[in-house]
Amino acid sequence: MLEDKKIDTKKGDLLIFPSNFLYPHEITPVTKGVRYSYVSWVW
């Protein structure tokens, strides 16, 4: 697991990961600009 791992991103980066309990994550507040989020579920 990537516990305690921080992924630094820059403008234009895209980060994709599974959205289930096996992949917990945390976001930080946007201090400049806009954050876009897209949530999708496939069964």
N, C-alpha and C. Protein backbone atom coordinates (compact mmCIF):
# COMPACT_ATOMS: atom_id res chain seq x y z
N MET A 1 0.84 -1.19 0.00
CA MET A 1 0.00 0.00 0.00
C MET A 1 0.88 1.24 0.00
N LEU A 2 0.31 2.32 -0.41
CA LEU A 2 1.03 3.58 -0.47
C LEU A 2 0.68 4.47 0.71
N GLU A 3 0.51 3.87 1.86
CA GLU A 3 0.19 4.64 3.06
C GLU A 3 1.29 5.65 3.32
N ASP A 4 0.90 6.86 3.65
CA ASP A 4 1.84 7.95 3.91
C ASP A 4 2.62 8.38 2.66
N LYS A 5 2.17 8.01 1.49
CA LYS A 5 2.81 8.40 0.23
C LYS A 5 2.08 9.62 -0.32
N LYS A 6 2.83 10.66 -0.66
CA LYS A 6 2.25 11.86 -1.24
C LYS A 6 2.64 11.92 -2.71
N ILE A 7 1.66 12.13 -3.57
CA ILE A 7 1.91 12.23 -5.00
C ILE A 7 1.76 13.69 -5.39
N ASP A 8 2.86 14.31 -5.75
CA ASP A 8 2.82 15.71 -6.18
C ASP A 8 2.37 15.77 -7.64
N THR A 9 1.46 16.66 -7.93
CA THR A 9 0.95 16.83 -9.28
C THR A 9 1.18 18.25 -9.75
N LYS A 10 1.13 18.42 -11.04
CA LYS A 10 1.24 19.76 -11.62
C LYS A 10 0.05 19.98 -12.56
N LYS A 11 -0.13 21.18 -13.00
CA LYS A 11 -1.24 21.51 -13.87
C LYS A 11 -1.26 20.58 -15.08
N GLY A 12 -2.44 20.02 -15.34
CA GLY A 12 -2.60 19.12 -16.48
C GLY A 12 -2.43 17.65 -16.15
N ASP A 13 -1.98 17.32 -14.94
CA ASP A 13 -1.82 15.91 -14.54
C ASP A 13 -3.17 15.26 -14.30
N LEU A 14 -3.23 13.96 -14.49
CA LEU A 14 -4.42 13.17 -14.24
C LEU A 14 -4.03 12.01 -13.34
N LEU A 15 -4.78 11.81 -12.27
CA LEU A 15 -4.51 10.73 -11.33
C LEU A 15 -5.73 9.83 -11.29
N ILE A 16 -5.53 8.55 -11.57
CA ILE A 16 -6.63 7.58 -11.62
C ILE A 16 -6.31 6.45 -10.65
N PHE A 17 -7.32 6.05 -9.86
CA PHE A 17 -7.13 4.93 -8.94
C PHE A 17 -8.48 4.29 -8.67
N PRO A 18 -8.51 3.02 -8.26
CA PRO A 18 -9.76 2.35 -7.92
C PRO A 18 -10.44 3.04 -6.74
N SER A 19 -11.74 3.10 -6.78
CA SER A 19 -12.47 3.79 -5.70
C SER A 19 -13.21 2.79 -4.81
N ASN A 20 -12.45 1.96 -4.12
CA ASN A 20 -13.06 1.06 -3.15
C ASN A 20 -12.24 1.09 -1.85
N PHE A 21 -12.70 0.37 -0.86
CA PHE A 21 -12.08 0.44 0.47
C PHE A 21 -10.64 -0.08 0.51
N LEU A 22 -10.23 -0.81 -0.50
CA LEU A 22 -8.86 -1.32 -0.54
C LEU A 22 -7.85 -0.23 -0.91
N TYR A 23 -8.33 0.89 -1.40
CA TYR A 23 -7.46 1.98 -1.84
C TYR A 23 -7.85 3.29 -1.16
N PRO A 24 -7.67 3.37 0.16
CA PRO A 24 -8.03 4.61 0.86
C PRO A 24 -7.17 5.76 0.36
N HIS A 25 -7.76 6.95 0.38
CA HIS A 25 -7.02 8.11 -0.10
C HIS A 25 -7.49 9.35 0.66
N GLU A 26 -6.76 10.40 0.48
CA GLU A 26 -7.07 11.66 1.14
C GLU A 26 -6.76 12.78 0.15
N ILE A 27 -7.56 13.82 0.19
CA ILE A 27 -7.28 14.99 -0.63
C ILE A 27 -6.96 16.17 0.27
N THR A 28 -6.28 17.13 -0.27
CA THR A 28 -5.95 18.34 0.48
C THR A 28 -6.70 19.52 -0.15
N PRO A 29 -6.91 20.58 0.61
CA PRO A 29 -7.65 21.73 0.09
C PRO A 29 -6.96 22.35 -1.12
N VAL A 30 -7.77 22.83 -2.05
CA VAL A 30 -7.25 23.56 -3.20
C VAL A 30 -6.93 24.97 -2.73
N THR A 31 -5.68 25.40 -2.88
CA THR A 31 -5.29 26.74 -2.44
C THR A 31 -5.19 27.71 -3.61
N LYS A 32 -5.15 27.16 -4.83
CA LYS A 32 -5.07 28.01 -6.01
C LYS A 32 -5.62 27.23 -7.20
N GLY A 33 -6.48 27.84 -7.99
CA GLY A 33 -7.02 27.16 -9.15
C GLY A 33 -8.26 26.35 -8.82
N VAL A 34 -8.53 25.33 -9.64
CA VAL A 34 -9.75 24.52 -9.54
C VAL A 34 -9.38 23.04 -9.58
N ARG A 35 -10.07 22.23 -8.79
CA ARG A 35 -9.91 20.77 -8.86
C ARG A 35 -11.18 20.21 -9.48
N TYR A 36 -11.02 19.37 -10.48
CA TYR A 36 -12.15 18.68 -11.09
C TYR A 36 -12.10 17.23 -10.65
N SER A 37 -13.27 16.66 -10.40
CA SER A 37 -13.35 15.27 -9.96
C SER A 37 -14.41 14.55 -10.78
N TYR A 38 -14.14 13.32 -11.16
CA TYR A 38 -15.09 12.50 -11.90
C TYR A 38 -15.17 11.15 -11.19
N VAL A 39 -16.36 10.77 -10.81
CA VAL A 39 -16.57 9.51 -10.12
C VAL A 39 -17.38 8.59 -11.02
N SER A 40 -16.93 7.36 -11.17
CA SER A 40 -17.61 6.40 -12.03
C SER A 40 -17.60 5.03 -11.35
N TRP A 41 -18.66 4.30 -11.53
CA TRP A 41 -18.76 2.95 -10.96
C TRP A 41 -19.05 1.96 -12.08
N VAL A 42 -18.34 0.86 -12.09
CA VAL A 42 -18.58 -0.20 -13.06
C VAL A 42 -18.76 -1.49 -12.28
N TRP A 43 -19.80 -2.21 -12.57
CA TRP A 43 -20.06 -3.46 -11.86
C TRP A 43 -19.90 -4.62 -12.79
